[in-house]
């Protein structure tokens, strides 16, 4: 039995208050090689204007520390923010990776947005599609992909040394769990996915993709541990069974509205951050399907 301690990557979180998203730079301190996880492209839905302020903050951080970014990871197709992956790829040369079930999302939402035949539904917009159990290097530290669906069919958790980046699968213990009512989402599946995360060593550091400040908490937070989640997650702690969770999640989801940026975000993120093809005037347009979601 191997009792060697887990590698401990360095992790820096970047909080975007406009979308309550935390993006991460994670790197191997020995080699200076790293990855960016769940980046944010600034987007104003009123004007349709984009900017790269959030992405530039991460690039400045990596430059100050002389880090090399080799990989840009997406935990899933986000519905609450647009990814800055293409911009970051252009600046760093890093490969963009997402879970292999992106093809399911592309089939579903390619239909919702009536994307034409030019929109490939095989995931080829991404440089790498990661299946459950696939590994990837972050410098000298091994990363491993866990397929943890339920919030969406292509949700992944990325375990890098003693750190796991859980996307929207769970939130901080005092806030609970992610919704499961998007197309392809399923509360029972989410419960079982979270159990996989909870099977990681108790001291595994868990990094959230979002935080909304639970009632009674005055500051944003995005790091916890497996042990803290198992003992205290208000929706998923160990004593809560699967049927109880499914009933609770269904009731809560029925009361939720759609995320503010879901329509632009999914159209862009299912294309690895690329905009829809420009029309004959050179301008790219985002669609708003009426009464479709």
C-alpha atoms as a PDB file:
ATOM      1  CA  UNK A   1       0.000   0.000   0.000  1.00  0.00           C
ATOM      2  CA  UNK A   2       1.324   3.437  -1.015  1.00  0.00           C
ATOM      3  CA  UNK A   3       1.177   5.814   1.952  1.00  0.00           C
ATOM      4  CA  UNK A   4       3.134   8.603   0.267  1.00  0.00           C
ATOM      5  CA  UNK A   5       1.562  12.031   0.850  1.00  0.00           C
ATOM      6  CA  UNK A   6      -0.413  13.539  -1.999  1.00  0.00           C
ATOM      7  CA  UNK A   7       1.235  16.281  -4.019  1.00  0.00           C
ATOM      8  CA  UNK A   8       0.021  19.736  -2.996  1.00  0.00           C
ATOM      9  CA  UNK A   9      -0.414  22.064  -5.953  1.00  0.00           C
ATOM     10  CA  UNK A  10      -0.539  25.799  -5.431  1.00  0.00           C
ATOM     11  CA  UNK A  11      -4.020  27.239  -6.007  1.00  0.00           C
ATOM     12  CA  UNK A  12      -5.106  30.843  -6.493  1.00  0.00           C
ATOM     13  CA  UNK A  13      -8.800  31.728  -6.841  1.00  0.00           C
ATOM     14  CA  UNK A  14     -10.146  34.724  -8.762  1.00  0.00           C
ATOM     15  CA  UNK A  15     -13.661  35.773  -7.798  1.00  0.00           C
ATOM     16  CA  UNK A  16     -16.015  37.452 -10.283  1.00  0.00           C
ATOM     17  CA  UNK A  17     -18.767  39.100  -8.268  1.00  0.00           C
ATOM     18  CA  UNK A  18     -20.877  39.793 -11.377  1.00  0.00           C
ATOM     19  CA  UNK A  19     -21.446  36.049 -11.862  1.00  0.00           C
ATOM     20  CA  UNK A  20     -20.370  34.740  -8.428  1.00  0.00           C
ATOM     21  CA  UNK A  21     -17.811  32.569 -10.245  1.00  0.00           C
ATOM     22  CA  UNK A  22     -14.399  31.517  -8.976  1.00  0.00           C
ATOM     23  CA  UNK A  23     -11.769  30.818 -11.617  1.00  0.00           C
ATOM     24  CA  UNK A  24      -8.505  29.159 -10.655  1.00  0.00           C
ATOM     25  CA  UNK A  25      -4.853  29.106 -11.499  1.00  0.00           C
ATOM     26  CA  UNK A  26      -3.371  25.845 -10.215  1.00  0.00           C
ATOM     27  CA  UNK A  27       0.312  25.054 -10.592  1.00  0.00           C
ATOM     28  CA  UNK A  28       3.198  22.826  -9.593  1.00  0.00           C
ATOM     29  CA  UNK A  29       5.526  24.892  -7.427  1.00  0.00           C
ATOM     30  CA  UNK A  30       8.557  22.894  -8.486  1.00  0.00           C
ATOM     31  CA  UNK A  31       8.162  23.254 -12.253  1.00  0.00           C
ATOM     32  CA  UNK A  32       6.120  26.450 -12.530  1.00  0.00           C
ATOM     33  CA  UNK A  33       3.739  24.683 -14.913  1.00  0.00           C
ATOM     34  CA  UNK A  34       0.031  25.079 -14.388  1.00  0.00           C
ATOM     35  CA  UNK A  35      -3.550  25.153 -15.585  1.00  0.00           C
ATOM     36  CA  UNK A  36      -6.462  27.603 -15.603  1.00  0.00           C
ATOM     37  CA  UNK A  37      -9.886  26.295 -14.574  1.00  0.00           C
ATOM     38  CA  UNK A  38     -13.310  27.819 -15.361  1.00  0.00           C
ATOM     39  CA  UNK A  39     -12.255  31.202 -16.722  1.00  0.00           C
ATOM     40  CA  UNK A  40     -14.665  34.126 -17.170  1.00  0.00           C
ATOM     41  CA  UNK A  41     -15.124  36.439 -20.157  1.00  0.00           C
ATOM     42  CA  UNK A  42     -16.659  39.771 -19.165  1.00  0.00           C
ATOM     43  CA  UNK A  43     -20.014  40.158 -20.926  1.00  0.00           C
ATOM     44  CA  UNK A  44     -22.630  42.920 -20.746  1.00  0.00           C
ATOM     45  CA  UNK A  45     -25.966  41.476 -21.899  1.00  0.00           C
ATOM     46  CA  UNK A  46     -27.491  44.947 -22.308  1.00  0.00           C
ATOM     47  CA  UNK A  47     -24.919  46.070 -24.882  1.00  0.00           C
ATOM     48  CA  UNK A  48     -23.567  42.732 -26.102  1.00  0.00           C
ATOM     49  CA  UNK A  49     -20.035  43.956 -25.390  1.00  0.00           C
ATOM     50  CA  UNK A  50     -17.279  41.665 -24.180  1.00  0.00           C
ATOM     51  CA  UNK A  51     -14.047  42.418 -22.353  1.00  0.00           C
ATOM     52  CA  UNK A  52     -11.129  40.428 -20.969  1.00  0.00           C
ATOM     53  CA  UNK A  53     -10.500  42.143 -17.628  1.00  0.00           C
ATOM     54  CA  UNK A  54     -11.001  38.967 -15.571  1.00  0.00           C
ATOM     55  CA  UNK A  55      -8.868  36.843 -17.870  1.00  0.00           C
ATOM     56  CA  UNK A  56      -6.147  39.509 -17.918  1.00  0.00           C
ATOM     57  CA  UNK A  57      -5.975  39.401 -14.118  1.00  0.00           C
ATOM     58  CA  UNK A  58      -5.105  35.711 -14.295  1.00  0.00           C
ATOM     59  CA  UNK A  59      -2.580  36.263 -17.067  1.00  0.00           C
ATOM     60  CA  UNK A  60      -0.925  39.017 -15.040  1.00  0.00           C
ATOM     61  CA  UNK A  61      -0.762  36.675 -12.061  1.00  0.00           C
ATOM     62  CA  UNK A  62       0.908  33.920 -14.089  1.00  0.00           C
ATOM     63  CA  UNK A  63       3.350  36.405 -15.609  1.00  0.00           C
ATOM     64  CA  UNK A  64       4.334  37.836 -12.213  1.00  0.00           C
ATOM     65  CA  UNK A  65       5.153  34.333 -10.968  1.00  0.00           C
ATOM     66  CA  UNK A  66       6.722  33.235 -14.252  1.00  0.00           C
ATOM     67  CA  UNK A  67       4.267  30.359 -14.627  1.00  0.00           C
ATOM     68  CA  UNK A  68       3.629  28.406 -17.808  1.00  0.00           C
ATOM     69  CA  UNK A  69      -0.025  27.634 -18.536  1.00  0.00           C
ATOM     70  CA  UNK A  70      -0.308  24.334 -20.414  1.00  0.00           C
ATOM     71  CA  UNK A  71      -4.002  23.518 -19.972  1.00  0.00           C
ATOM     72  CA  UNK A  72      -7.320  25.372 -19.819  1.00  0.00           C
ATOM     73  CA  UNK A  73      -9.932  23.201 -18.122  1.00  0.00           C
ATOM     74  CA  UNK A  74     -13.713  23.573 -18.196  1.00  0.00           C
ATOM     75  CA  UNK A  75     -15.636  21.644 -15.550  1.00  0.00           C
ATOM     76  CA  UNK A  76     -18.776  21.803 -17.743  1.00  0.00           C
ATOM     77  CA  UNK A  77     -20.728  24.015 -20.136  1.00  0.00           C
ATOM     78  CA  UNK A  78     -21.548  26.872 -17.798  1.00  0.00           C
ATOM     79  CA  UNK A  79     -24.958  28.541 -17.833  1.00  0.00           C
ATOM     80  CA  UNK A  80     -24.040  31.578 -15.748  1.00  0.00           C
ATOM     81  CA  UNK A  81     -20.955  33.013 -17.439  1.00  0.00           C
ATOM     82  CA  UNK A  82     -19.093  32.972 -20.728  1.00  0.00           C
ATOM     83  CA  UNK A  83     -15.701  31.278 -20.834  1.00  0.00           C
ATOM     84  CA  UNK A  84     -12.567  33.184 -21.824  1.00  0.00           C
ATOM     85  CA  UNK A  85     -10.891  29.996 -23.090  1.00  0.00           C
ATOM     86  CA  UNK A  86     -10.190  31.177 -26.674  1.00  0.00           C
ATOM     87  CA  UNK A  87      -8.552  34.393 -25.463  1.00  0.00           C
ATOM     88  CA  UNK A  88      -6.448  32.531 -22.909  1.00  0.00           C
ATOM     89  CA  UNK A  89      -5.464  29.923 -25.499  1.00  0.00           C
ATOM     90  CA  UNK A  90      -4.338  32.686 -27.845  1.00  0.00           C
ATOM     91  CA  UNK A  91      -2.219  34.286 -25.119  1.00  0.00           C
ATOM     92  CA  UNK A  92      -0.708  31.110 -23.653  1.00  0.00           C
ATOM     93  CA  UNK A  93      -0.841  28.427 -26.338  1.00  0.00           C
ATOM     94  CA  UNK A  94      -2.529  26.103 -23.823  1.00  0.00           C
ATOM     95  CA  UNK A  95      -4.875  23.301 -24.875  1.00  0.00           C
ATOM     96  CA  UNK A  96      -8.572  23.589 -23.949  1.00  0.00           C
ATOM     97  CA  UNK A  97     -10.161  20.507 -22.362  1.00  0.00           C
ATOM     98  CA  UNK A  98     -13.653  19.527 -21.209  1.00  0.00           C
ATOM     99  CA  UNK A  99     -15.531  16.339 -20.347  1.00  0.00           C
ATOM    100  CA  UNK A 100     -16.230  13.978 -23.243  1.00  0.00           C
ATOM    101  CA  UNK A 101     -19.989  14.252 -22.707  1.00  0.00           C
ATOM    102  CA  UNK A 102     -19.857  17.740 -24.197  1.00  0.00           C
ATOM    103  CA  UNK A 103     -21.318  15.996 -27.255  1.00  0.00           C
ATOM    104  CA  UNK A 104     -24.572  15.407 -25.346  1.00  0.00           C
ATOM    105  CA  UNK A 105     -24.803  19.109 -24.528  1.00  0.00           C
ATOM    106  CA  UNK A 106     -24.044  20.045 -28.134  1.00  0.00           C
ATOM    107  CA  UNK A 107     -26.771  17.731 -29.435  1.00  0.00           C
ATOM    108  CA  UNK A 108     -29.337  19.103 -26.977  1.00  0.00           C
ATOM    109  CA  UNK A 109     -28.589  22.791 -27.251  1.00  0.00           C
ATOM    110  CA  UNK A 110     -27.645  22.660 -30.902  1.00  0.00           C
ATOM    111  CA  UNK A 111     -31.315  21.830 -31.319  1.00  0.00           C
ATOM    112  CA  UNK A 112     -32.556  24.470 -28.871  1.00  0.00           C
ATOM    113  CA  UNK A 113     -30.644  27.197 -30.723  1.00  0.00           C
ATOM    114  CA  UNK A 114     -31.266  25.666 -34.160  1.00  0.00           C
ATOM    115  CA  UNK A 115     -27.536  25.762 -34.865  1.00  0.00           C
ATOM    116  CA  UNK A 116     -26.845  24.977 -38.504  1.00  0.00           C
ATOM    117  CA  UNK A 117     -24.771  22.169 -39.980  1.00  0.00           C
ATOM    118  CA  UNK A 118     -21.640  24.271 -39.541  1.00  0.00           C
ATOM    119  CA  UNK A 119     -21.944  23.654 -35.775  1.00  0.00           C
ATOM    120  CA  UNK A 120     -20.126  20.373 -35.137  1.00  0.00           C
ATOM    121  CA  UNK A 121     -21.625  18.244 -32.395  1.00  0.00           C
ATOM    122  CA  UNK A 122     -18.594  15.986 -31.900  1.00  0.00           C
ATOM    123  CA  UNK A 123     -16.673  18.222 -29.487  1.00  0.00           C
ATOM    124  CA  UNK A 124     -14.000  19.148 -32.019  1.00  0.00           C
ATOM    125  CA  UNK A 125     -14.066  22.775 -30.891  1.00  0.00           C
ATOM    126  CA  UNK A 126     -12.044  21.596 -27.882  1.00  0.00           C
ATOM    127  CA  UNK A 127      -8.461  20.358 -27.999  1.00  0.00           C
ATOM    128  CA  UNK A 128      -9.068  17.447 -25.650  1.00  0.00           C
ATOM    129  CA  UNK A 129     -12.135  15.563 -24.438  1.00  0.00           C
ATOM    130  CA  UNK A 130     -11.626  13.929 -21.054  1.00  0.00           C
ATOM    131  CA  UNK A 131     -13.386  10.710 -20.095  1.00  0.00           C
ATOM    132  CA  UNK A 132     -13.819   9.380 -16.578  1.00  0.00           C
ATOM    133  CA  UNK A 133     -10.441   8.267 -15.254  1.00  0.00           C
ATOM    134  CA  UNK A 134      -8.344  10.071 -17.841  1.00  0.00           C
ATOM    135  CA  UNK A 135      -5.168  11.665 -16.509  1.00  0.00           C
ATOM    136  CA  UNK A 136      -3.260  14.800 -17.455  1.00  0.00           C
ATOM    137  CA  UNK A 137      -0.099  16.455 -16.109  1.00  0.00           C
ATOM    138  CA  UNK A 138       0.061  19.746 -14.256  1.00  0.00           C
ATOM    139  CA  UNK A 139       3.807  20.051 -14.200  1.00  0.00           C
ATOM    140  CA  UNK A 140       4.999  17.065 -12.205  1.00  0.00           C
ATOM    141  CA  UNK A 141       1.606  16.543 -10.535  1.00  0.00           C
ATOM    142  CA  UNK A 142      -0.893  14.093 -11.982  1.00  0.00           C
ATOM    143  CA  UNK A 143      -4.399  15.343 -12.636  1.00  0.00           C
ATOM    144  CA  UNK A 144      -7.336  12.971 -12.935  1.00  0.00           C
ATOM    145  CA  UNK A 145     -10.770  13.506 -14.456  1.00  0.00           C
ATOM    146  CA  UNK A 146     -13.853  12.266 -12.598  1.00  0.00           C
ATOM    147  CA  UNK A 147     -17.165  12.286 -14.436  1.00  0.00           C
ATOM    148  CA  UNK A 148     -19.615  13.736 -11.898  1.00  0.00           C
ATOM    149  CA  UNK A 149     -22.874  14.407 -13.786  1.00  0.00           C
ATOM    150  CA  UNK A 150     -26.224  15.443 -12.351  1.00  0.00           C
ATOM    151  CA  UNK A 151     -26.108  19.217 -12.625  1.00  0.00           C
ATOM    152  CA  UNK A 152     -25.412  18.656 -16.334  1.00  0.00           C
ATOM    153  CA  UNK A 153     -24.507  15.466 -18.226  1.00  0.00           C
ATOM    154  CA  UNK A 154     -20.921  16.573 -18.872  1.00  0.00           C
ATOM    155  CA  UNK A 155     -19.898  17.831 -15.418  1.00  0.00           C
ATOM    156  CA  UNK A 156     -16.370  16.849 -14.424  1.00  0.00           C
ATOM    157  CA  UNK A 157     -14.390  17.077 -11.203  1.00  0.00           C
ATOM    158  CA  UNK A 158     -10.659  17.550 -11.708  1.00  0.00           C
ATOM    159  CA  UNK A 159      -8.477  16.015  -8.999  1.00  0.00           C
ATOM    160  CA  UNK A 160      -4.972  17.480  -9.070  1.00  0.00           C
ATOM    161  CA  UNK A 161      -2.833  16.137  -6.254  1.00  0.00           C
ATOM    162  CA  UNK A 162      -4.680  16.846  -2.996  1.00  0.00           C
ATOM    163  CA  UNK A 163      -6.984  19.417  -4.638  1.00  0.00           C
ATOM    164  CA  UNK A 164     -10.304  18.744  -6.394  1.00  0.00           C
ATOM    165  CA  UNK A 165     -12.139  21.299  -8.515  1.00  0.00           C
ATOM    166  CA  UNK A 166     -15.801  20.350  -8.359  1.00  0.00           C
ATOM    167  CA  UNK A 167     -17.449  22.831 -10.724  1.00  0.00           C
ATOM    168  CA  UNK A 168     -21.149  23.296  -9.922  1.00  0.00           C
ATOM    169  CA  UNK A 169     -21.606  19.822  -8.410  1.00  0.00           C
ATOM    170  CA  UNK A 170     -21.626  21.116  -4.827  1.00  0.00           C
ATOM    171  CA  UNK A 171     -21.263  24.444  -3.059  1.00  0.00           C
ATOM    172  CA  UNK A 172     -19.852  25.377   0.327  1.00  0.00           C
ATOM    173  CA  UNK A 173     -21.302  23.233   3.139  1.00  0.00           C
ATOM    174  CA  UNK A 174     -23.623  26.009   4.336  1.00  0.00           C
ATOM    175  CA  UNK A 175     -25.074  26.511   0.838  1.00  0.00           C
ATOM    176  CA  UNK A 176     -25.524  22.918  -0.288  1.00  0.00           C
ATOM    177  CA  UNK A 177     -25.868  21.619  -3.827  1.00  0.00           C
ATOM    178  CA  UNK A 178     -26.387  22.604  -7.449  1.00  0.00           C
ATOM    179  CA  UNK A 179     -29.693  22.612  -9.299  1.00  0.00           C
ATOM    180  CA  UNK A 180     -30.546  19.596 -11.434  1.00  0.00           C
ATOM    181  CA  UNK A 181     -33.360  20.889 -13.666  1.00  0.00           C
ATOM    182  CA  UNK A 182     -31.360  21.843 -16.759  1.00  0.00           C
ATOM    183  CA  UNK A 183     -31.789  19.549 -19.801  1.00  0.00           C
ATOM    184  CA  UNK A 184     -30.056  16.280 -18.978  1.00  0.00           C
ATOM    185  CA  UNK A 185     -29.759  17.085 -15.273  1.00  0.00           C
ATOM    186  CA  UNK A 186     -30.860  14.555 -12.660  1.00  0.00           C
ATOM    187  CA  UNK A 187     -30.892  14.806  -8.864  1.00  0.00           C
ATOM    188  CA  UNK A 188     -30.373  11.091  -8.266  1.00  0.00           C
ATOM    189  CA  UNK A 189     -27.358  11.132 -10.552  1.00  0.00           C
ATOM    190  CA  UNK A 190     -25.969  14.176  -8.751  1.00  0.00           C
ATOM    191  CA  UNK A 191     -26.286  12.472  -5.364  1.00  0.00           C
ATOM    192  CA  UNK A 192     -24.268   9.506  -6.617  1.00  0.00           C
ATOM    193  CA  UNK A 193     -21.669  11.781  -8.209  1.00  0.00           C
ATOM    194  CA  UNK A 194     -21.177  13.623  -4.931  1.00  0.00           C
ATOM    195  CA  UNK A 195     -20.626  10.292  -3.175  1.00  0.00           C
ATOM    196  CA  UNK A 196     -17.685   9.737  -5.554  1.00  0.00           C
ATOM    197  CA  UNK A 197     -16.230  13.060  -4.477  1.00  0.00           C
ATOM    198  CA  UNK A 198     -16.838  12.177  -0.830  1.00  0.00           C
ATOM    199  CA  UNK A 199     -14.887   8.941  -1.349  1.00  0.00           C
ATOM    200  CA  UNK A 200     -11.724  11.000  -1.841  1.00  0.00           C
ATOM    201  CA  UNK A 201      -9.447  11.280   1.228  1.00  0.00           C
ATOM    202  CA  UNK A 202     -10.988  13.377   3.997  1.00  0.00           C
ATOM    203  CA  UNK A 203      -8.296  16.041   3.788  1.00  0.00           C
ATOM    204  CA  UNK A 204      -8.715  16.559   0.043  1.00  0.00           C
ATOM    205  CA  UNK A 205      -9.128  20.269  -0.614  1.00  0.00           C
ATOM    206  CA  UNK A 206     -12.345  21.017  -2.523  1.00  0.00           C
ATOM    207  CA  UNK A 207     -12.606  24.169  -4.616  1.00  0.00           C
ATOM    208  CA  UNK A 208     -16.039  25.499  -5.588  1.00  0.00           C
ATOM    209  CA  UNK A 209     -16.909  27.171  -8.898  1.00  0.00           C
ATOM    210  CA  UNK A 210     -19.471  29.495  -7.282  1.00  0.00           C
ATOM    211  CA  UNK A 211     -20.347  31.081  -3.974  1.00  0.00           C
ATOM    212  CA  UNK A 212     -23.389  33.177  -3.102  1.00  0.00           C
ATOM    213  CA  UNK A 213     -22.758  33.789   0.623  1.00  0.00           C
ATOM    214  CA  UNK A 214     -25.141  31.606   2.589  1.00  0.00           C
ATOM    215  CA  UNK A 215     -27.484  33.363   5.043  1.00  0.00           C
ATOM    216  CA  UNK A 216     -25.513  34.440   8.096  1.00  0.00           C
ATOM    217  CA  UNK A 217     -22.165  34.432   6.301  1.00  0.00           C
ATOM    218  CA  UNK A 218     -20.664  37.842   5.509  1.00  0.00           C
ATOM    219  CA  UNK A 219     -17.785  36.851   3.223  1.00  0.00           C
ATOM    220  CA  UNK A 220     -17.447  34.825   0.060  1.00  0.00           C
ATOM    221  CA  UNK A 221     -15.724  31.459   0.431  1.00  0.00           C
ATOM    222  CA  UNK A 222     -14.758  28.736  -1.995  1.00  0.00           C
ATOM    223  CA  UNK A 223     -12.413  26.252  -0.307  1.00  0.00           C
ATOM    224  CA  UNK A 224     -13.411  23.412   1.995  1.00  0.00           C
ATOM    225  CA  UNK A 225     -12.508  19.728   2.472  1.00  0.00           C
ATOM    226  CA  UNK A 226     -14.136  16.375   1.930  1.00  0.00           C
ATOM    227  CA  UNK A 227     -14.424  15.902   5.694  1.00  0.00           C
ATOM    228  CA  UNK A 228     -16.137  19.277   6.141  1.00  0.00           C
ATOM    229  CA  UNK A 229     -18.585  18.537   3.339  1.00  0.00           C
ATOM    230  CA  UNK A 230     -19.434  15.066   4.602  1.00  0.00           C
ATOM    231  CA  UNK A 231     -20.063  16.388   8.113  1.00  0.00           C
ATOM    232  CA  UNK A 232     -21.820  19.640   7.333  1.00  0.00           C
ATOM    233  CA  UNK A 233     -23.229  20.029   3.837  1.00  0.00           C
ATOM    234  CA  UNK A 234     -26.820  21.097   4.405  1.00  0.00           C
ATOM    235  CA  UNK A 235     -28.068  19.041   1.429  1.00  0.00           C
ATOM    236  CA  UNK A 236     -25.599  16.168   1.164  1.00  0.00           C
ATOM    237  CA  UNK A 237     -23.957  15.383   4.512  1.00  0.00           C
ATOM    238  CA  UNK A 238     -23.544  11.705   5.247  1.00  0.00           C
ATOM    239  CA  UNK A 239     -26.813  11.183   7.118  1.00  0.00           C
ATOM    240  CA  UNK A 240     -28.960  12.458   4.215  1.00  0.00           C
ATOM    241  CA  UNK A 241     -30.101   9.578   2.022  1.00  0.00           C
ATOM    242  CA  UNK A 242     -30.601   9.565  -1.721  1.00  0.00           C
ATOM    243  CA  UNK A 243     -34.402   9.686  -1.719  1.00  0.00           C
ATOM    244  CA  UNK A 244     -34.451  12.568   0.749  1.00  0.00           C
ATOM    245  CA  UNK A 245     -32.017  14.530  -1.372  1.00  0.00           C
ATOM    246  CA  UNK A 246     -33.956  13.898  -4.583  1.00  0.00           C
ATOM    247  CA  UNK A 247     -37.198  15.103  -2.973  1.00  0.00           C
ATOM    248  CA  UNK A 248     -35.545  18.234  -1.557  1.00  0.00           C
ATOM    249  CA  UNK A 249     -33.740  19.072  -4.795  1.00  0.00           C
ATOM    250  CA  UNK A 250     -36.864  18.683  -6.903  1.00  0.00           C
ATOM    251  CA  UNK A 251     -38.847  20.989  -4.635  1.00  0.00           C
ATOM    252  CA  UNK A 252     -36.131  23.650  -4.639  1.00  0.00           C
ATOM    253  CA  UNK A 253     -35.516  23.480  -8.372  1.00  0.00           C
ATOM    254  CA  UNK A 254     -39.198  24.022  -9.134  1.00  0.00           C
ATOM    255  CA  UNK A 255     -38.917  27.443  -7.477  1.00  0.00           C
ATOM    256  CA  UNK A 256     -35.806  28.633  -9.341  1.00  0.00           C
ATOM    257  CA  UNK A 257     -35.718  30.956 -12.325  1.00  0.00           C
ATOM    258  CA  UNK A 258     -33.261  30.589 -15.189  1.00  0.00           C
ATOM    259  CA  UNK A 259     -29.759  32.043 -14.712  1.00  0.00           C
ATOM    260  CA  UNK A 260     -29.458  35.585 -16.083  1.00  0.00           C
ATOM    261  CA  UNK A 261     -26.867  34.665 -18.708  1.00  0.00           C
ATOM    262  CA  UNK A 262     -27.966  31.148 -19.632  1.00  0.00           C
ATOM    263  CA  UNK A 263     -28.905  31.949 -23.239  1.00  0.00           C
ATOM    264  CA  UNK A 264     -25.704  33.718 -24.274  1.00  0.00           C
ATOM    265  CA  UNK A 265     -23.526  31.527 -22.045  1.00  0.00           C
ATOM    266  CA  UNK A 266     -24.595  28.140 -23.376  1.00  0.00           C
ATOM    267  CA  UNK A 267     -24.449  29.271 -27.029  1.00  0.00           C
ATOM    268  CA  UNK A 268     -20.859  30.396 -26.545  1.00  0.00           C
ATOM    269  CA  UNK A 269     -19.618  27.756 -24.112  1.00  0.00           C
ATOM    270  CA  UNK A 270     -20.839  24.814 -26.183  1.00  0.00           C
ATOM    271  CA  UNK A 271     -18.491  26.205 -28.868  1.00  0.00           C
ATOM    272  CA  UNK A 272     -15.488  26.225 -26.471  1.00  0.00           C
ATOM    273  CA  UNK A 273     -15.956  29.973 -26.072  1.00  0.00           C
ATOM    274  CA  UNK A 274     -16.273  30.738 -29.754  1.00  0.00           C
ATOM    275  CA  UNK A 275     -19.021  33.067 -30.930  1.00  0.00           C
ATOM    276  CA  UNK A 276     -21.600  31.905 -33.498  1.00  0.00           C
ATOM    277  CA  UNK A 277     -20.412  32.429 -37.080  1.00  0.00           C
ATOM    278  CA  UNK A 278     -20.527  36.059 -38.206  1.00  0.00           C
ATOM    279  CA  UNK A 279     -23.268  36.950 -40.661  1.00  0.00           C
ATOM    280  CA  UNK A 280     -22.733  38.717 -44.004  1.00  0.00           C
ATOM    281  CA  UNK A 281     -22.272  42.065 -42.248  1.00  0.00           C
ATOM    282  CA  UNK A 282     -19.357  40.712 -40.232  1.00  0.00           C
ATOM    283  CA  UNK A 283     -21.261  40.711 -36.928  1.00  0.00           C
ATOM    284  CA  UNK A 284     -21.898  37.653 -34.754  1.00  0.00           C
ATOM    285  CA  UNK A 285     -25.357  37.323 -33.198  1.00  0.00           C
ATOM    286  CA  UNK A 286     -26.698  35.387 -30.220  1.00  0.00           C
ATOM    287  CA  UNK A 287     -30.188  33.896 -30.390  1.00  0.00           C
ATOM    288  CA  UNK A 288     -32.970  34.111 -27.815  1.00  0.00           C
ATOM    289  CA  UNK A 289     -35.296  31.121 -28.282  1.00  0.00           C
ATOM    290  CA  UNK A 290     -38.820  32.054 -27.228  1.00  0.00           C
ATOM    291  CA  UNK A 291     -40.634  29.737 -24.786  1.00  0.00           C
ATOM    292  CA  UNK A 292     -38.063  26.984 -25.386  1.00  0.00           C
ATOM    293  CA  UNK A 293     -36.606  26.608 -21.879  1.00  0.00           C
END
